[in-house]
Amino acid sequence: MVTAFFFRIFPYMRFPRGKYKGRLISEVERYDPGYIRWCKENTPWMLNQPKPQTNTAEQEFVSDYKEQQKLTEYLRNNPITWEEAFGD
């Protein structure tokens, strides 16, 4: 049986190809643990966590969000008075 640690980290991973393509690894482990052992020994890359694919809009959103977080952090650490901000 594959270690429980693996399934706590990746309970919703799916097989990318092969006999159980598209099936959850944790689901296959319940009714065919021999296949999991076989994959682990012969094709360990099938059990690797896939990298998420992001499009340009998502990348821009994340970049803008990170910039906003940096600005917010800076302003929290460097407060200014009303007069400094608006010149009154």
PDB file of N, CA and C in Angstrom:
ATOM      1  N   MET A   1       0.840  -1.186   0.000  1.00  0.00           N
ATOM      2  CA  MET A   1       0.000   0.000   0.000  1.00  0.00           C
ATOM      3  C   MET A   1       0.882   1.246   0.000  1.00  0.00           C
ATOM      4  N   VAL A   2       0.544   2.234  -0.815  1.00  0.00           N
ATOM      5  CA  VAL A   2       1.315   3.474  -0.883  1.00  0.00           C
ATOM      6  C   VAL A   2       1.126   4.223   0.426  1.00  0.00           C
ATOM      7  N   THR A   3       2.142   4.962   0.833  1.00  0.00           N
ATOM      8  CA  THR A   3       2.089   5.614   2.134  1.00  0.00           C
ATOM      9  C   THR A   3       0.899   6.553   2.257  1.00  0.00           C
ATOM     10  N   ALA A   4       0.355   6.609   3.479  1.00  0.00           N
ATOM     11  CA  ALA A   4      -0.785   7.486   3.743  1.00  0.00           C
ATOM     12  C   ALA A   4      -0.385   8.945   3.570  1.00  0.00           C
ATOM     13  N   PHE A   5       0.893   9.258   3.819  1.00  0.00           N
ATOM     14  CA  PHE A   5       1.384  10.630   3.664  1.00  0.00           C
ATOM     15  C   PHE A   5       1.127  11.142   2.248  1.00  0.00           C
ATOM     16  N   PHE A   6       1.384  10.297   1.255  1.00  0.00           N
ATOM     17  CA  PHE A   6       1.186  10.682  -0.138  1.00  0.00           C
ATOM     18  C   PHE A   6      -0.261  11.078  -0.390  1.00  0.00           C
ATOM     19  N   PHE A   7      -1.199  10.323   0.151  1.00  0.00           N
ATOM     20  CA  PHE A   7      -2.605  10.591  -0.112  1.00  0.00           C
ATOM     21  C   PHE A   7      -3.147  11.764   0.693  1.00  0.00           C
ATOM     22  N   ARG A   8      -2.508  12.095   1.801  1.00  0.00           N
ATOM     23  CA  ARG A   8      -2.936  13.300   2.516  1.00  0.00           C
ATOM     24  C   ARG A   8      -2.534  14.548   1.744  1.00  0.00           C
ATOM     25  N   ILE A   9      -1.409  14.500   1.062  1.00  0.00           N
ATOM     26  CA  ILE A   9      -0.939  15.655   0.301  1.00  0.00           C
ATOM     27  C   ILE A   9      -1.658  15.767  -1.048  1.00  0.00           C
ATOM     28  N   PHE A  10      -1.844  14.661  -1.742  1.00  0.00           N
ATOM     29  CA  PHE A  10      -2.412  14.676  -3.087  1.00  0.00           C
ATOM     30  C   PHE A  10      -3.683  13.822  -3.194  1.00  0.00           C
ATOM     31  N   PRO A  11      -4.706  14.071  -2.379  1.00  0.00           N
ATOM     32  CA  PRO A  11      -5.883  13.202  -2.423  1.00  0.00           C
ATOM     33  C   PRO A  11      -6.709  13.345  -3.699  1.00  0.00           C
ATOM     34  N   TYR A  12      -6.570  14.461  -4.423  1.00  0.00           N
ATOM     35  CA  TYR A  12      -7.415  14.689  -5.589  1.00  0.00           C
ATOM     36  C   TYR A  12      -6.643  14.684  -6.904  1.00  0.00           C
ATOM     37  N   MET A  13      -5.431  14.138  -6.898  1.00  0.00           N
ATOM     38  CA  MET A  13      -4.677  14.017  -8.145  1.00  0.00           C
ATOM     39  C   MET A  13      -5.315  12.937  -9.021  1.00  0.00           C
ATOM     40  N   ARG A  14      -5.222  13.143 -10.305  1.00  0.00           N
ATOM     41  CA  ARG A  14      -5.767  12.170 -11.257  1.00  0.00           C
ATOM     42  C   ARG A  14      -4.635  11.609 -12.111  1.00  0.00           C
ATOM     43  N   PHE A  15      -4.825  10.366 -12.563  1.00  0.00           N
ATOM     44  CA  PHE A  15      -3.847   9.767 -13.457  1.00  0.00           C
ATOM     45  C   PHE A  15      -3.887  10.509 -14.793  1.00  0.00           C
ATOM     46  N   PRO A  16      -2.721  10.922 -15.320  1.00  0.00           N
ATOM     47  CA  PRO A  16      -2.701  11.658 -16.587  1.00  0.00           C
ATOM     48  C   PRO A  16      -2.902  10.759 -17.807  1.00  0.00           C
ATOM     49  N   ARG A  17      -2.572   9.469 -17.677  1.00  0.00           N
ATOM     50  CA  ARG A  17      -2.744   8.522 -18.794  1.00  0.00           C
ATOM     51  C   ARG A  17      -2.666   7.109 -18.248  1.00  0.00           C
ATOM     52  N   GLY A  18      -2.872   6.165 -19.114  1.00  0.00           N
ATOM     53  CA  GLY A  18      -2.760   4.769 -18.714  1.00  0.00           C
ATOM     54  C   GLY A  18      -4.110   4.124 -18.462  1.00  0.00           C
ATOM     55  N   LYS A  19      -4.057   2.991 -17.812  1.00  0.00           N
ATOM     56  CA  LYS A  19      -5.224   2.144 -17.557  1.00  0.00           C
ATOM     57  C   LYS A  19      -6.355   2.895 -16.838  1.00  0.00           C
ATOM     58  N   TYR A  20      -5.991   3.787 -15.912  1.00  0.00           N
ATOM     59  CA  TYR A  20      -6.983   4.509 -15.120  1.00  0.00           C
ATOM     60  C   TYR A  20      -6.953   6.013 -15.410  1.00  0.00           C
ATOM     61  N   LYS A  21      -6.722   6.384 -16.652  1.00  0.00           N
ATOM     62  CA  LYS A  21      -6.639   7.790 -17.035  1.00  0.00           C
ATOM     63  C   LYS A  21      -7.866   8.567 -16.544  1.00  0.00           C
ATOM     64  N   GLY A  22      -7.603   9.687 -15.865  1.00  0.00           N
ATOM     65  CA  GLY A  22      -8.682  10.544 -15.377  1.00  0.00           C
ATOM     66  C   GLY A  22      -9.248  10.148 -14.028  1.00  0.00           C
ATOM     67  N   ARG A  23      -8.893   8.983 -13.515  1.00  0.00           N
ATOM     68  CA  ARG A  23      -9.398   8.526 -12.210  1.00  0.00           C
ATOM     69  C   ARG A  23      -8.545   9.108 -11.089  1.00  0.00           C
ATOM     70  N   LEU A  24      -9.150   9.318  -9.926  1.00  0.00           N
ATOM     71  CA  LEU A  24      -8.414   9.795  -8.764  1.00  0.00           C
ATOM     72  C   LEU A  24      -7.439   8.727  -8.294  1.00  0.00           C
ATOM     73  N   ILE A  25      -6.221   9.141  -7.953  1.00  0.00           N
ATOM     74  CA  ILE A  25      -5.223   8.184  -7.486  1.00  0.00           C
ATOM     75  C   ILE A  25      -5.700   7.522  -6.200  1.00  0.00           C
ATOM     76  N   SER A  26      -6.307   8.309  -5.298  1.00  0.00           N
ATOM     77  CA  SER A  26      -6.780   7.733  -4.037  1.00  0.00           C
ATOM     78  C   SER A  26      -7.901   6.712  -4.268  1.00  0.00           C
ATOM     79  N   GLU A  27      -8.713   6.932  -5.292  1.00  0.00           N
ATOM     80  CA  GLU A  27      -9.802   6.000  -5.626  1.00  0.00           C
ATOM     81  C   GLU A  27      -9.228   4.682  -6.164  1.00  0.00           C
ATOM     82  N   VAL A  28      -8.251   4.778  -7.064  1.00  0.00           N
ATOM     83  CA  VAL A  28      -7.635   3.582  -7.642  1.00  0.00           C
ATOM     84  C   VAL A  28      -6.897   2.802  -6.563  1.00  0.00           C
ATOM     85  N   GLU A  29      -6.271   3.506  -5.627  1.00  0.00           N
ATOM     86  CA  GLU A  29      -5.522   2.842  -4.564  1.00  0.00           C
ATOM     87  C   GLU A  29      -6.433   1.951  -3.721  1.00  0.00           C
ATOM     88  N   ARG A  30      -7.690   2.349  -3.564  1.00  0.00           N
ATOM     89  CA  ARG A  30      -8.628   1.551  -2.756  1.00  0.00           C
ATOM     90  C   ARG A  30      -8.957   0.208  -3.399  1.00  0.00           C
ATOM     91  N   TYR A  31      -9.169   0.193  -4.742  1.00  0.00           N
ATOM     92  CA  TYR A  31      -9.584  -1.077  -5.345  1.00  0.00           C
ATOM     93  C   TYR A  31      -8.529  -1.750  -6.210  1.00  0.00           C
ATOM     94  N   ASP A  32      -7.379  -1.116  -6.446  1.00  0.00           N
ATOM     95  CA  ASP A  32      -6.297  -1.773  -7.179  1.00  0.00           C
ATOM     96  C   ASP A  32      -4.941  -1.267  -6.679  1.00  0.00           C
ATOM     97  N   PRO A  33      -4.577  -1.572  -5.417  1.00  0.00           N
ATOM     98  CA  PRO A  33      -3.305  -1.092  -4.877  1.00  0.00           C
ATOM     99  C   PRO A  33      -2.090  -1.641  -5.626  1.00  0.00           C
ATOM    100  N   GLY A  34      -2.248  -2.774  -6.295  1.00  0.00           N
ATOM    101  CA  GLY A  34      -1.157  -3.335  -7.084  1.00  0.00           C
ATOM    102  C   GLY A  34      -0.763  -2.421  -8.232  1.00  0.00           C
ATOM    103  N   TYR A  35      -1.740  -1.763  -8.828  1.00  0.00           N
ATOM    104  CA  TYR A  35      -1.451  -0.833  -9.927  1.00  0.00           C
ATOM    105  C   TYR A  35      -0.649   0.362  -9.425  1.00  0.00           C
ATOM    106  N   ILE A  36      -0.992   0.844  -8.234  1.00  0.00           N
ATOM    107  CA  ILE A  36      -0.248   1.960  -7.643  1.00  0.00           C
ATOM    108  C   ILE A  36       1.204   1.539  -7.401  1.00  0.00           C
ATOM    109  N   ARG A  37       1.395   0.346  -6.857  1.00  0.00           N
ATOM    110  CA  ARG A  37       2.759  -0.156  -6.644  1.00  0.00           C
ATOM    111  C   ARG A  37       3.507  -0.262  -7.967  1.00  0.00           C
ATOM    112  N   TRP A  38       2.829  -0.788  -8.994  1.00  0.00           N
ATOM    113  CA  TRP A  38       3.447  -0.929 -10.302  1.00  0.00           C
ATOM    114  C   TRP A  38       3.863   0.441 -10.842  1.00  0.00           C
ATOM    115  N   CYS A  39       2.985   1.427 -10.732  1.00  0.00           N
ATOM    116  CA  CYS A  39       3.300   2.784 -11.205  1.00  0.00           C
ATOM    117  C   CYS A  39       4.486   3.358 -10.450  1.00  0.00           C
ATOM    118  N   LYS A  40       4.484   3.158  -9.139  1.00  0.00           N
ATOM    119  CA  LYS A  40       5.552   3.694  -8.312  1.00  0.00           C
ATOM    120  C   LYS A  40       6.910   3.108  -8.720  1.00  0.00           C
ATOM    121  N   GLU A  41       6.943   1.826  -9.075  1.00  0.00           N
ATOM    122  CA  GLU A  41       8.181   1.157  -9.451  1.00  0.00           C
ATOM    123  C   GLU A  41       8.583   1.408 -10.903  1.00  0.00           C
ATOM    124  N   ASN A  42       7.608   1.456 -11.814  1.00  0.00           N
ATOM    125  CA  ASN A  42       7.911   1.507 -13.247  1.00  0.00           C
ATOM    126  C   ASN A  42       7.703   2.870 -13.906  1.00  0.00           C
ATOM    127  N   THR A  43       6.772   3.656 -13.413  1.00  0.00           N
ATOM    128  CA  THR A  43       6.504   4.972 -14.005  1.00  0.00           C
ATOM    129  C   THR A  43       6.237   5.986 -12.892  1.00  0.00           C
ATOM    130  N   PRO A  44       7.247   6.315 -12.084  1.00  0.00           N
ATOM    131  CA  PRO A  44       7.021   7.226 -10.960  1.00  0.00           C
ATOM    132  C   PRO A  44       6.557   8.612 -11.381  1.00  0.00           C
ATOM    133  N   TRP A  45       6.849   9.032 -12.609  1.00  0.00           N
ATOM    134  CA  TRP A  45       6.414  10.339 -13.091  1.00  0.00           C
ATOM    135  C   TRP A  45       4.893  10.448 -13.132  1.00  0.00           C
ATOM    136  N   MET A  46       4.176   9.313 -13.233  1.00  0.00           N
ATOM    137  CA  MET A  46       2.713   9.356 -13.268  1.00  0.00           C
ATOM    138  C   MET A  46       2.121   9.777 -11.923  1.00  0.00           C
ATOM    139  N   LEU A  47       2.886   9.618 -10.854  1.00  0.00           N
ATOM    140  CA  LEU A  47       2.396   9.977  -9.530  1.00  0.00           C
ATOM    141  C   LEU A  47       2.877  11.358  -9.091  1.00  0.00           C
ATOM    142  N   ASN A  48       3.568  12.080  -9.971  1.00  0.00           N
ATOM    143  CA  ASN A  48       4.047  13.425  -9.645  1.00  0.00           C
ATOM    144  C   ASN A  48       2.912  14.434  -9.731  1.00  0.00           C
ATOM    145  N   GLN A  49       2.999  15.463  -8.910  1.00  0.00           N
ATOM    146  CA  GLN A  49       2.002  16.528  -8.917  1.00  0.00           C
ATOM    147  C   GLN A  49       2.173  17.360 -10.194  1.00  0.00           C
ATOM    148  N   PRO A  50       1.117  17.497 -11.001  1.00  0.00           N
ATOM    149  CA  PRO A  50       1.238  18.309 -12.220  1.00  0.00           C
ATOM    150  C   PRO A  50       1.319  19.792 -11.879  1.00  0.00           C
ATOM    151  N   LYS A  51       2.012  20.541 -12.718  1.00  0.00           N
ATOM    152  CA  LYS A  51       2.097  21.983 -12.530  1.00  0.00           C
ATOM    153  C   LYS A  51       0.819  22.628 -13.075  1.00  0.00           C
ATOM    154  N   PRO A  52       0.244  23.553 -12.323  1.00  0.00           N
ATOM    155  CA  PRO A  52      -0.975  24.196 -12.811  1.00  0.00           C
ATOM    156  C   PRO A  52      -0.665  25.098 -14.002  1.00  0.00           C
ATOM    157  N   GLN A  53      -1.586  25.141 -14.946  1.00  0.00           N
ATOM    158  CA  GLN A  53      -1.421  25.990 -16.110  1.00  0.00           C
ATOM    159  C   GLN A  53      -2.185  27.288 -15.874  1.00  0.00           C
ATOM    160  N   THR A  54      -1.515  28.408 -16.109  1.00  0.00           N
ATOM    161  CA  THR A  54      -2.173  29.704 -15.944  1.00  0.00           C
ATOM    162  C   THR A  54      -2.082  30.470 -17.250  1.00  0.00           C
ATOM    163  N   ASN A  55      -3.100  31.248 -17.521  1.00  0.00           N
ATOM    164  CA  ASN A  55      -3.067  32.065 -18.726  1.00  0.00           C
ATOM    165  C   ASN A  55      -2.548  33.458 -18.387  1.00  0.00           C
ATOM    166  N   THR A  56      -2.395  34.299 -19.388  1.00  0.00           N
ATOM    167  CA  THR A  56      -1.819  35.623 -19.208  1.00  0.00           C
ATOM    168  C   THR A  56      -2.652  36.488 -18.266  1.00  0.00           C
ATOM    169  N   ALA A  57      -3.969  36.431 -18.384  1.00  0.00           N
ATOM    170  CA  ALA A  57      -4.835  37.241 -17.522  1.00  0.00           C
ATOM    171  C   ALA A  57      -4.651  36.863 -16.049  1.00  0.00           C
ATOM    172  N   GLU A  58      -4.531  35.568 -15.776  1.00  0.00           N
ATOM    173  CA  GLU A  58      -4.311  35.122 -14.397  1.00  0.00           C
ATOM    174  C   GLU A  58      -2.956  35.586 -13.878  1.00  0.00           C
ATOM    175  N   GLN A  59      -1.939  35.509 -14.719  1.00  0.00           N
ATOM    176  CA  GLN A  59      -0.609  35.947 -14.317  1.00  0.00           C
ATOM    177  C   GLN A  59      -0.594  37.445 -14.025  1.00  0.00           C
ATOM    178  N   GLU A  60      -1.282  38.246 -14.855  1.00  0.00           N
ATOM    179  CA  GLU A  60      -1.365  39.692 -14.626  1.00  0.00           C
ATOM    180  C   GLU A  60      -2.117  39.984 -13.330  1.00  0.00           C
ATOM    181  N   PHE A  61      -3.201  39.254 -13.091  1.00  0.00           N
ATOM    182  CA  PHE A  61      -3.972  39.453 -11.872  1.00  0.00           C
ATOM    183  C   PHE A  61      -3.116  39.176 -10.642  1.00  0.00           C
ATOM    184  N   VAL A  62      -2.383  38.074 -10.660  1.00  0.00           N
ATOM    185  CA  VAL A  62      -1.526  37.719  -9.525  1.00  0.00           C
ATOM    186  C   VAL A  62      -0.438  38.770  -9.334  1.00  0.00           C
ATOM    187  N   SER A  63       0.145  39.231 -10.429  1.00  0.00           N
ATOM    188  CA  SER A  63       1.186  40.251 -10.354  1.00  0.00           C
ATOM    189  C   SER A  63       0.633  41.550  -9.756  1.00  0.00           C
ATOM    190  N   ASP A  64      -0.541  41.984 -10.235  1.00  0.00           N
ATOM    191  CA  ASP A  64      -1.175  43.195  -9.699  1.00  0.00           C
ATOM    192  C   ASP A  64      -1.516  43.028  -8.229  1.00  0.00           C
ATOM    193  N   TYR A  65      -1.995  41.866  -7.868  1.00  0.00           N
ATOM    194  CA  TYR A  65      -2.350  41.598  -6.470  1.00  0.00           C
ATOM    195  C   TYR A  65      -1.114  41.694  -5.578  1.00  0.00           C
ATOM    196  N   LYS A  66      -0.010  41.112  -6.035  1.00  0.00           N
ATOM    197  CA  LYS A  66       1.230  41.166  -5.250  1.00  0.00           C
ATOM    198  C   LYS A  66       1.726  42.598  -5.098  1.00  0.00           C
ATOM    199  N   GLU A  67       1.629  43.394  -6.166  1.00  0.00           N
ATOM    200  CA  GLU A  67       2.019  44.802  -6.084  1.00  0.00           C
ATOM    201  C   GLU A  67       1.138  45.549  -5.082  1.00  0.00           C
ATOM    202  N   GLN A  68      -0.163  45.275  -5.120  1.00  0.00           N
ATOM    203  CA  GLN A  68      -1.092  45.918  -4.186  1.00  0.00           C
ATOM    204  C   GLN A  68      -0.765  45.518  -2.747  1.00  0.00           C
ATOM    205  N   GLN A  69      -0.421  44.262  -2.534  1.00  0.00           N
ATOM    206  CA  GLN A  69      -0.054  43.801  -1.194  1.00  0.00           C
ATOM    207  C   GLN A  69       1.207  44.505  -0.695  1.00  0.00           C
ATOM    208  N   LYS A  70       2.190  44.689  -1.579  1.00  0.00           N
ATOM    209  CA  LYS A  70       3.412  45.395  -1.203  1.00  0.00           C
ATOM    210  C   LYS A  70       3.110  46.839  -0.835  1.00  0.00           C
ATOM    211  N   LEU A  71       2.269  47.505  -1.622  1.00  0.00           N
ATOM    212  CA  LEU A  71       1.901  48.883  -1.340  1.00  0.00           C
ATOM    213  C   LEU A  71       1.165  48.995  -0.013  1.00  0.00           C
ATOM    214  N   THR A  72       0.235  48.101   0.232  1.00  0.00           N
ATOM    215  CA  THR A  72      -0.519  48.102   1.489  1.00  0.00           C
ATOM    216  C   THR A  72       0.415  47.907   2.673  1.00  0.00           C
ATOM    217  N   GLU A  73       1.345  46.980   2.547  1.00  0.00           N
ATOM    218  CA  GLU A  73       2.313  46.728   3.619  1.00  0.00           C
ATOM    219  C   GLU A  73       3.182  47.957   3.863  1.00  0.00           C
ATOM    220  N   TYR A  74       3.620  48.603   2.783  1.00  0.00           N
ATOM    221  CA  TYR A  74       4.439  49.807   2.925  1.00  0.00           C
ATOM    222  C   TYR A  74       3.661  50.906   3.656  1.00  0.00           C
ATOM    223  N   LEU A  75       2.425  51.122   3.257  1.00  0.00           N
ATOM    224  CA  LEU A  75       1.616  52.179   3.879  1.00  0.00           C
ATOM    225  C   LEU A  75       1.308  51.871   5.339  1.00  0.00           C
ATOM    226  N   ARG A  76       1.150  50.627   5.678  1.00  0.00           N
ATOM    227  CA  ARG A  76       0.940  50.264   7.081  1.00  0.00           C
ATOM    228  C   ARG A  76       2.181  50.567   7.923  1.00  0.00           C
ATOM    229  N   ASN A  77       3.335  50.319   7.348  1.00  0.00           N
ATOM    230  CA  ASN A  77       4.589  50.519   8.079  1.00  0.00           C
ATOM    231  C   ASN A  77       5.082  51.966   8.040  1.00  0.00           C
ATOM    232  N   ASN A  78       4.529  52.781   7.154  1.00  0.00           N
ATOM    233  CA  ASN A  78       4.964  54.169   6.998  1.00  0.00           C
ATOM    234  C   ASN A  78       3.760  55.106   6.953  1.00  0.00           C
ATOM    235  N   PRO A  79       3.027  55.227   8.053  1.00  0.00           N
ATOM    236  CA  PRO A  79       1.843  56.088   8.036  1.00  0.00           C
ATOM    237  C   PRO A  79       2.234  57.561   7.888  1.00  0.00           C
ATOM    238  N   ILE A  80       1.351  58.333   7.268  1.00  0.00           N
ATOM    239  CA  ILE A  80       1.581  59.766   7.120  1.00  0.00           C
ATOM    240  C   ILE A  80       0.386  60.516   7.697  1.00  0.00           C
ATOM    241  N   THR A  81       0.566  61.777   7.932  1.00  0.00           N
ATOM    242  CA  THR A  81      -0.526  62.597   8.479  1.00  0.00           C
ATOM    243  C   THR A  81      -1.433  63.073   7.350  1.00  0.00           C
ATOM    244  N   TRP A  82      -2.582  63.590   7.716  1.00  0.00           N
ATOM    245  CA  TRP A  82      -3.547  64.142   6.755  1.00  0.00           C
ATOM    246  C   TRP A  82      -2.904  65.282   5.979  1.00  0.00           C
ATOM    247  N   GLU A  83      -2.168  66.133   6.662  1.00  0.00           N
ATOM    248  CA  GLU A  83      -1.524  67.290   6.035  1.00  0.00           C
ATOM    249  C   GLU A  83      -0.476  66.849   5.007  1.00  0.00           C
ATOM    250  N   GLU A  84       0.285  65.821   5.332  1.00  0.00           N
ATOM    251  CA  GLU A  84       1.297  65.325   4.392  1.00  0.00           C
ATOM    252  C   GLU A  84       0.638  64.738   3.147  1.00  0.00           C
ATOM    253  N   ALA A  85      -0.493  64.078   3.345  1.00  0.00           N
ATOM    254  CA  ALA A  85      -1.155  63.435   2.217  1.00  0.00           C
ATOM    255  C   ALA A  85      -1.868  64.440   1.313  1.00  0.00           C
ATOM    256  N   PHE A  86      -2.532  65.448   1.920  1.00  0.00           N
ATOM    257  CA  PHE A  86      -3.381  66.341   1.124  1.00  0.00           C
ATOM    258  C   PHE A  86      -2.929  67.803   1.133  1.00  0.00           C
ATOM    259  N   GLY A  87      -1.879  68.119   1.867  1.00  0.00           N
ATOM    260  CA  GLY A  87      -1.328  69.453   1.863  1.00  0.00           C
ATOM    261  C   GLY A  87      -2.190  70.518   2.501  1.00  0.00           C
ATOM    262  N   ASP A  88      -3.103  70.177   3.370  1.00  0.00           N
ATOM    263  CA  ASP A  88      -3.967  71.185   4.021  1.00  0.00           C
ATOM    264  C   ASP A  88      -3.278  71.841   5.178  1.00  0.00           C
TER     265      ASP A  88
END
